[in-house]
Every structure is written in structure tokens, then in C-alpha cells.
Amino acid sequence: MRQPLLHLGLPAFLFALLFALPAHAHVMDGPLGGFGSGFGHPLAGLDHLLAMLAVGLWGAQMGGRSVWTLPATFPMIMCAGGIIGMTGLLPDQPIEYGIAVSVIVLGGAIAAAWRAPEWAALVLIAAFALMHGYPHGVLAPRASDPAAFTVGFVVSTGVIHVIGIAIGAALKPIGGGRLVQALGAAISLAGFWFLFGLAMR
């Protein structure tokens, strides 16, 4: 009974991705709090959420050490991106495009079931983590408690990675992993939609 439900849920997920508007979680107005605001920030936009979910999915799909090396690397490097973001030296637009590209590439890697060499996967993860960390760093100084805000978004990122790993592990045995690949394709398509939204702004 579980497999038909999953197959029914996939078209609904695809529909939601294709017809949702780009969210851009890094654009937030008004005062920010501490841990709660930081925890909610990665959840506030589909672009960030899908990229972080994809990291866990890809790690689970590749298996071995990648199950933990990819999700462990992302939050650490994201903190470095946050520190760079606190300087505010980089323009927003290239970062926004980079975030959209990260969704495309990570989703595409899952769709292609790419078993990348560990070093290559970690280089990709690190580059994308810097981009995702930057907007968090831009916002952190505006928070009532910047340290708690930073801890919040790092913890939230880790939780999303764990959810991605759990989904990947649960779906991997189904259809020889094709369901995980379909989910990756949906994530990649969403990335193209985010990119289209940026280009149309």
C-alpha cells in the first residue's frame, strides 16, 4: 500500500514545485529575533530548503561515507559563507543566481544517480554552502541576538539534511532507486524555475 501512495504523492510534489513562485529565503524584511528566526530562515524559501534537502538525498543515494560527509560539510562551510556575508561586500544578484544553480546541479546529480568521487562532491557542496551561507550572514547583524540567530540557521540546516537522508534511505529501495532520481529531477526543475524568476525580475 505504501508504494502506490508514494507514486500518487510524486505528481503532487512535482505540481507544487512547477507552479510555486520563487521564494528567495534570503530576502526578509523587518526585525529579526534570535534562535527562532535563525531556525526558520532556511525554511522560509523553497530555494534554500530544496538545496539543503538535496544534500541529504544525494548523500543517502551515494551511500558509504557520503551519507555523513556531505551533510556535515555543508553547515560548516555555510558558517564561513555567513562570515563573508557579514561584510556585505558581495552583490546580492550573483549569490541569488548561485543559489538557483545549486538547486539545479544538486537535483541533477540525484536525477543522474551520479556517484561522484568524494573530493568532487565535497568541492561542489562547499561552493554551494558558501553561497547559501552568505545571505544568512547578511541578515545576522540585524538579529536581536546574532549568535543565537546563527546557531538557529545552522541547526535548521542540519535538520533538513537529516530529513533528506531519511527520505533518500526510505525511497532508495523502491524501483531500483528511480523514485529518488525522479525526486532529484523535480528539485532540478524547481531550480530552473527559480532561475527563470530571477531573470524575469
C-alpha atoms as a PDB file:
ATOM      1  CA  MET A   1       0.000   0.000   0.000  1.00  0.00           C
ATOM      2  CA  ARG A   2       2.891   2.338   0.678  1.00  0.00           C
ATOM      3  CA  GLN A   3       4.274   2.295  -2.869  1.00  0.00           C
ATOM      4  CA  PRO A   4       1.038   3.464  -4.587  1.00  0.00           C
ATOM      5  CA  LEU A   5       0.766   6.287  -2.056  1.00  0.00           C
ATOM      6  CA  LEU A   6       4.312   7.368  -2.849  1.00  0.00           C
ATOM      7  CA  HIS A   7       3.606   7.238  -6.586  1.00  0.00           C
ATOM      8  CA  LEU A   8       0.492   9.356  -6.077  1.00  0.00           C
ATOM      9  CA  GLY A   9       2.399  11.836  -3.953  1.00  0.00           C
ATOM     10  CA  LEU A  10       5.161  12.403  -6.510  1.00  0.00           C
ATOM     11  CA  PRO A  11       2.948  14.077  -9.169  1.00  0.00           C
ATOM     12  CA  ALA A  12       1.521  16.347  -6.467  1.00  0.00           C
ATOM     13  CA  PHE A  13       5.046  17.253  -5.366  1.00  0.00           C
ATOM     14  CA  LEU A  14       6.060  17.963  -8.969  1.00  0.00           C
ATOM     15  CA  PHE A  15       2.989  20.126  -9.491  1.00  0.00           C
ATOM     16  CA  ALA A  16       3.735  22.135  -6.364  1.00  0.00           C
ATOM     17  CA  LEU A  17       7.309  22.720  -7.480  1.00  0.00           C
ATOM     18  CA  LEU A  18       6.464  23.726 -11.013  1.00  0.00           C
ATOM     19  CA  PHE A  19       3.715  26.159 -10.120  1.00  0.00           C
ATOM     20  CA  ALA A  20       5.188  27.686  -6.978  1.00  0.00           C
ATOM     21  CA  LEU A  21       6.717  31.140  -7.262  1.00  0.00           C
ATOM     22  CA  PRO A  22      10.408  31.602  -6.445  1.00  0.00           C
ATOM     23  CA  ALA A  23      10.692  32.241  -2.731  1.00  0.00           C
ATOM     24  CA  HIS A  24      14.222  33.564  -2.185  1.00  0.00           C
ATOM     25  CA  ALA A  25      14.594  32.908   1.517  1.00  0.00           C
ATOM     26  CA  HIS A  26      17.401  35.432   1.847  1.00  0.00           C
ATOM     27  CA  VAL A  27      15.013  38.353   1.311  1.00  0.00           C
ATOM     28  CA  MET A  28      13.484  39.167   4.682  1.00  0.00           C
ATOM     29  CA  ASP A  29      12.198  42.487   5.936  1.00  0.00           C
ATOM     30  CA  GLY A  30      11.568  43.764   9.428  1.00  0.00           C
ATOM     31  CA  PRO A  31      13.250  42.991  12.725  1.00  0.00           C
ATOM     32  CA  LEU A  32      14.731  39.563  13.338  1.00  0.00           C
ATOM     33  CA  GLY A  33      14.824  37.683  16.610  1.00  0.00           C
ATOM     34  CA  GLY A  34      17.347  35.130  17.827  1.00  0.00           C
ATOM     35  CA  PHE A  35      17.388  31.350  17.582  1.00  0.00           C
ATOM     36  CA  GLY A  36      13.783  31.053  16.329  1.00  0.00           C
ATOM     37  CA  SER A  37      14.349  33.495  13.476  1.00  0.00           C
ATOM     38  CA  GLY A  38      17.578  31.762  12.528  1.00  0.00           C
ATOM     39  CA  PHE A  39      15.942  28.330  12.648  1.00  0.00           C
ATOM     40  CA  GLY A  40      13.044  29.498  10.480  1.00  0.00           C
ATOM     41  CA  HIS A  41      15.181  31.305   7.908  1.00  0.00           C
ATOM     42  CA  PRO A  42      16.235  28.231   5.841  1.00  0.00           C
ATOM     43  CA  LEU A  43      12.589  27.111   5.894  1.00  0.00           C
ATOM     44  CA  ALA A  44      11.287  30.438   4.605  1.00  0.00           C
ATOM     45  CA  GLY A  45      12.208  29.885   0.974  1.00  0.00           C
ATOM     46  CA  LEU A  46      11.923  26.884  -1.303  1.00  0.00           C
ATOM     47  CA  ASP A  47      15.291  27.567  -2.947  1.00  0.00           C
ATOM     48  CA  HIS A  48      17.255  27.116   0.278  1.00  0.00           C
ATOM     49  CA  LEU A  49      15.044  24.308   1.512  1.00  0.00           C
ATOM     50  CA  LEU A  50      15.344  22.184  -1.641  1.00  0.00           C
ATOM     51  CA  ALA A  51      19.110  22.620  -1.895  1.00  0.00           C
ATOM     52  CA  MET A  52      19.624  21.516   1.697  1.00  0.00           C
ATOM     53  CA  LEU A  53      17.213  18.623   1.264  1.00  0.00           C
ATOM     54  CA  ALA A  54      19.103  17.613  -1.880  1.00  0.00           C
ATOM     55  CA  VAL A  55      22.387  17.425   0.040  1.00  0.00           C
ATOM     56  CA  GLY A  56      20.900  14.769   2.321  1.00  0.00           C
ATOM     57  CA  LEU A  57      19.227  12.952  -0.570  1.00  0.00           C
ATOM     58  CA  TRP A  58      22.434  12.844  -2.600  1.00  0.00           C
ATOM     59  CA  GLY A  59      24.441  11.580   0.357  1.00  0.00           C
ATOM     60  CA  ALA A  60      21.905   8.819   1.007  1.00  0.00           C
ATOM     61  CA  GLN A  61      21.828   7.918  -2.679  1.00  0.00           C
ATOM     62  CA  MET A  62      25.616   7.573  -2.935  1.00  0.00           C
ATOM     63  CA  GLY A  63      25.896   5.739   0.369  1.00  0.00           C
ATOM     64  CA  GLY A  64      29.110   4.952   2.220  1.00  0.00           C
ATOM     65  CA  ARG A  65      30.920   7.871   3.831  1.00  0.00           C
ATOM     66  CA  SER A  66      28.942  10.350   1.713  1.00  0.00           C
ATOM     67  CA  VAL A  67      25.889   9.781   3.927  1.00  0.00           C
ATOM     68  CA  TRP A  68      27.580  11.862   6.621  1.00  0.00           C
ATOM     69  CA  THR A  69      30.449  13.737   4.900  1.00  0.00           C
ATOM     70  CA  LEU A  70      28.164  15.765   2.615  1.00  0.00           C
ATOM     71  CA  PRO A  71      25.642  16.829   5.289  1.00  0.00           C
ATOM     72  CA  ALA A  72      28.441  17.522   7.796  1.00  0.00           C
ATOM     73  CA  THR A  73      30.425  19.661   5.361  1.00  0.00           C
ATOM     74  CA  PHE A  74      27.551  21.874   4.244  1.00  0.00           C
ATOM     75  CA  PRO A  75      26.746  23.578   7.607  1.00  0.00           C
ATOM     76  CA  MET A  76      30.442  24.079   8.430  1.00  0.00           C
ATOM     77  CA  ILE A  77      31.219  25.807   5.139  1.00  0.00           C
ATOM     78  CA  MET A  78      27.903  27.665   5.308  1.00  0.00           C
ATOM     79  CA  CYS A  79      29.174  29.305   8.504  1.00  0.00           C
ATOM     80  CA  ALA A  80      32.200  30.553   6.545  1.00  0.00           C
ATOM     81  CA  GLY A  81      29.821  31.937   3.922  1.00  0.00           C
ATOM     82  CA  GLY A  82      27.888  33.620   6.721  1.00  0.00           C
ATOM     83  CA  ILE A  83      31.044  35.331   7.976  1.00  0.00           C
ATOM     84  CA  ILE A  84      31.708  36.621   4.458  1.00  0.00           C
ATOM     85  CA  GLY A  85      28.072  37.744   4.284  1.00  0.00           C
ATOM     86  CA  MET A  86      28.504  39.845   7.421  1.00  0.00           C
ATOM     87  CA  THR A  87      30.957  42.012   5.480  1.00  0.00           C
ATOM     88  CA  GLY A  88      28.277  42.718   2.852  1.00  0.00           C
ATOM     89  CA  LEU A  89      30.989  43.079   0.215  1.00  0.00           C
ATOM     90  CA  LEU A  90      29.422  40.926  -2.489  1.00  0.00           C
ATOM     91  CA  PRO A  91      26.445  41.975  -4.632  1.00  0.00           C
ATOM     92  CA  ASP A  92      23.220  40.070  -3.999  1.00  0.00           C
ATOM     93  CA  GLN A  93      22.419  39.110  -7.594  1.00  0.00           C
ATOM     94  CA  PRO A  94      25.323  36.689  -8.250  1.00  0.00           C
ATOM     95  CA  ILE A  95      24.588  34.983  -4.921  1.00  0.00           C
ATOM     96  CA  GLU A  96      20.914  34.610  -5.849  1.00  0.00           C
ATOM     97  CA  TYR A  97      21.844  33.076  -9.197  1.00  0.00           C
ATOM     98  CA  GLY A  98      24.356  30.813  -7.463  1.00  0.00           C
ATOM     99  CA  ILE A  99      21.670  29.545  -5.080  1.00  0.00           C
ATOM    100  CA  ALA A 100      19.353  28.761  -8.011  1.00  0.00           C
ATOM    101  CA  VAL A 101      22.192  26.956  -9.822  1.00  0.00           C
ATOM    102  CA  SER A 102      22.909  24.925  -6.668  1.00  0.00           C
ATOM    103  CA  VAL A 103      19.342  23.609  -6.737  1.00  0.00           C
ATOM    104  CA  ILE A 104      19.693  22.700 -10.421  1.00  0.00           C
ATOM    105  CA  VAL A 105      23.046  20.943 -10.017  1.00  0.00           C
ATOM    106  CA  LEU A 106      22.262  19.067  -6.808  1.00  0.00           C
ATOM    107  CA  GLY A 107      18.904  17.923  -8.156  1.00  0.00           C
ATOM    108  CA  GLY A 108      20.565  16.964 -11.436  1.00  0.00           C
ATOM    109  CA  ALA A 109      23.224  14.925  -9.637  1.00  0.00           C
ATOM    110  CA  ILE A 110      20.478  12.974  -7.866  1.00  0.00           C
ATOM    111  CA  ALA A 111      18.472  12.555 -11.090  1.00  0.00           C
ATOM    112  CA  ALA A 112      21.558  11.196 -12.863  1.00  0.00           C
ATOM    113  CA  ALA A 113      22.446   8.996  -9.850  1.00  0.00           C
ATOM    114  CA  TRP A 114      25.942  10.481 -10.128  1.00  0.00           C
ATOM    115  CA  ARG A 115      28.343   8.658  -7.828  1.00  0.00           C
ATOM    116  CA  ALA A 116      30.873  11.445  -7.763  1.00  0.00           C
ATOM    117  CA  PRO A 117      34.349  10.973  -6.317  1.00  0.00           C
ATOM    118  CA  GLU A 118      34.194  12.138  -2.713  1.00  0.00           C
ATOM    119  CA  TRP A 119      36.508  15.087  -3.319  1.00  0.00           C
ATOM    120  CA  ALA A 120      34.382  16.314  -6.246  1.00  0.00           C
ATOM    121  CA  ALA A 121      31.151  16.027  -4.270  1.00  0.00           C
ATOM    122  CA  LEU A 122      32.693  17.905  -1.333  1.00  0.00           C
ATOM    123  CA  VAL A 123      34.026  20.682  -3.590  1.00  0.00           C
ATOM    124  CA  LEU A 124      30.529  21.163  -5.042  1.00  0.00           C
ATOM    125  CA  ILE A 125      28.923  21.063  -1.607  1.00  0.00           C
ATOM    126  CA  ALA A 126      31.437  23.566  -0.226  1.00  0.00           C
ATOM    127  CA  ALA A 127      30.926  26.021  -3.098  1.00  0.00           C
ATOM    128  CA  PHE A 128      27.162  25.898  -2.750  1.00  0.00           C
ATOM    129  CA  ALA A 129      27.345  26.114   1.045  1.00  0.00           C
ATOM    130  CA  LEU A 130      29.283  29.386   0.756  1.00  0.00           C
ATOM    131  CA  MET A 131      26.520  30.813  -1.425  1.00  0.00           C
ATOM    132  CA  HIS A 132      23.759  29.674   0.922  1.00  0.00           C
ATOM    133  CA  GLY A 133      25.622  30.944   3.970  1.00  0.00           C
ATOM    134  CA  TYR A 134      26.200  34.418   2.556  1.00  0.00           C
ATOM    135  CA  PRO A 135      22.599  35.724   2.851  1.00  0.00           C
ATOM    136  CA  HIS A 136      22.344  34.333   6.384  1.00  0.00           C
ATOM    137  CA  GLY A 137      25.416  36.353   7.282  1.00  0.00           C
ATOM    138  CA  VAL A 138      23.944  39.490   5.727  1.00  0.00           C
ATOM    139  CA  LEU A 139      20.908  39.130   7.982  1.00  0.00           C
ATOM    140  CA  ALA A 140      22.678  38.059  11.192  1.00  0.00           C
ATOM    141  CA  PRO A 141      23.786  41.556  12.304  1.00  0.00           C
ATOM    142  CA  ARG A 142      20.130  42.678  12.127  1.00  0.00           C
ATOM    143  CA  ALA A 143      19.034  39.990  14.583  1.00  0.00           C
ATOM    144  CA  SER A 144      18.360  40.840  18.214  1.00  0.00           C
ATOM    145  CA  ASP A 145      20.819  38.060  19.118  1.00  0.00           C
ATOM    146  CA  PRO A 146      23.166  37.436  16.152  1.00  0.00           C
ATOM    147  CA  ALA A 147      24.913  34.470  17.810  1.00  0.00           C
ATOM    148  CA  ALA A 148      21.616  32.693  18.569  1.00  0.00           C
ATOM    149  CA  PHE A 149      20.365  33.521  15.049  1.00  0.00           C
ATOM    150  CA  THR A 150      23.483  31.887  13.580  1.00  0.00           C
ATOM    151  CA  VAL A 151      23.108  28.786  15.750  1.00  0.00           C
ATOM    152  CA  GLY A 152      19.447  28.603  14.698  1.00  0.00           C
ATOM    153  CA  PHE A 153      20.102  28.532  10.971  1.00  0.00           C
ATOM    154  CA  VAL A 154      22.932  26.008  11.350  1.00  0.00           C
ATOM    155  CA  VAL A 155      20.732  23.678  13.426  1.00  0.00           C
ATOM    156  CA  SER A 156      17.850  24.073  10.972  1.00  0.00           C
ATOM    157  CA  THR A 157      20.153  23.235   8.080  1.00  0.00           C
ATOM    158  CA  GLY A 158      21.289  20.083   9.859  1.00  0.00           C
ATOM    159  CA  VAL A 159      17.688  19.032  10.498  1.00  0.00           C
ATOM    160  CA  ILE A 160      16.820  19.476   6.803  1.00  0.00           C
ATOM    161  CA  HIS A 161      19.859  17.383   5.834  1.00  0.00           C
ATOM    162  CA  VAL A 162      18.758  14.601   8.196  1.00  0.00           C
ATOM    163  CA  ILE A 163      15.254  14.692   6.696  1.00  0.00           C
ATOM    164  CA  GLY A 164      16.815  14.420   3.222  1.00  0.00           C
ATOM    165  CA  ILE A 165      18.886  11.427   4.322  1.00  0.00           C
ATOM    166  CA  ALA A 166      15.799   9.760   5.816  1.00  0.00           C
ATOM    167  CA  ILE A 167      13.750  10.319   2.653  1.00  0.00           C
ATOM    168  CA  GLY A 168      16.603   9.076   0.479  1.00  0.00           C
ATOM    169  CA  ALA A 169      17.093   5.958   2.607  1.00  0.00           C
ATOM    170  CA  ALA A 170      13.355   5.220   2.600  1.00  0.00           C
ATOM    171  CA  LEU A 171      12.921   5.658  -1.160  1.00  0.00           C
ATOM    172  CA  LYS A 172      16.223   4.151  -2.331  1.00  0.00           C
ATOM    173  CA  PRO A 173      14.985   0.515  -2.376  1.00  0.00           C
ATOM    174  CA  ILE A 174      11.874   1.438  -4.382  1.00  0.00           C
ATOM    175  CA  GLY A 175      12.083   0.841  -8.120  1.00  0.00           C
ATOM    176  CA  GLY A 176      15.842   0.434  -8.052  1.00  0.00           C
ATOM    177  CA  GLY A 177      16.296   3.998  -6.848  1.00  0.00           C
ATOM    178  CA  ARG A 178      14.271   5.536  -9.679  1.00  0.00           C
ATOM    179  CA  LEU A 179      11.918   7.277  -7.265  1.00  0.00           C
ATOM    180  CA  VAL A 180      14.865   9.098  -5.680  1.00  0.00           C
ATOM    181  CA  GLN A 181      16.044  10.047  -9.166  1.00  0.00           C
ATOM    182  CA  ALA A 182      12.581  11.381 -10.017  1.00  0.00           C
ATOM    183  CA  LEU A 183      12.662  13.482  -6.860  1.00  0.00           C
ATOM    184  CA  GLY A 184      16.060  14.817  -7.904  1.00  0.00           C
ATOM    185  CA  ALA A 185      14.677  15.719 -11.328  1.00  0.00           C
ATOM    186  CA  ALA A 186      11.807  17.590  -9.680  1.00  0.00           C
ATOM    187  CA  ILE A 187      14.262  19.517  -7.496  1.00  0.00           C
ATOM    188  CA  SER A 188      16.366  20.397 -10.541  1.00  0.00           C
ATOM    189  CA  LEU A 189      13.287  21.611 -12.438  1.00  0.00           C
ATOM    190  CA  ALA A 190      12.431  23.820  -9.475  1.00  0.00           C
ATOM    191  CA  GLY A 191      15.939  25.279  -9.705  1.00  0.00           C
ATOM    192  CA  PHE A 192      15.327  26.219 -13.342  1.00  0.00           C
ATOM    193  CA  TRP A 193      12.070  27.845 -12.249  1.00  0.00           C
ATOM    194  CA  PHE A 194      13.939  29.900  -9.620  1.00  0.00           C
ATOM    195  CA  LEU A 195      16.463  30.913 -12.283  1.00  0.00           C
ATOM    196  CA  PHE A 196      13.657  31.932 -14.628  1.00  0.00           C
ATOM    197  CA  GLY A 197      12.090  34.009 -11.853  1.00  0.00           C
ATOM    198  CA  LEU A 198      15.374  35.821 -11.254  1.00  0.00           C
ATOM    199  CA  ALA A 199      15.834  36.520 -14.951  1.00  0.00           C
ATOM    200  CA  MET A 200      12.318  37.978 -15.159  1.00  0.00           C
ATOM    201  CA  ARG A 201      12.813  40.382 -12.249  1.00  0.00           C
END
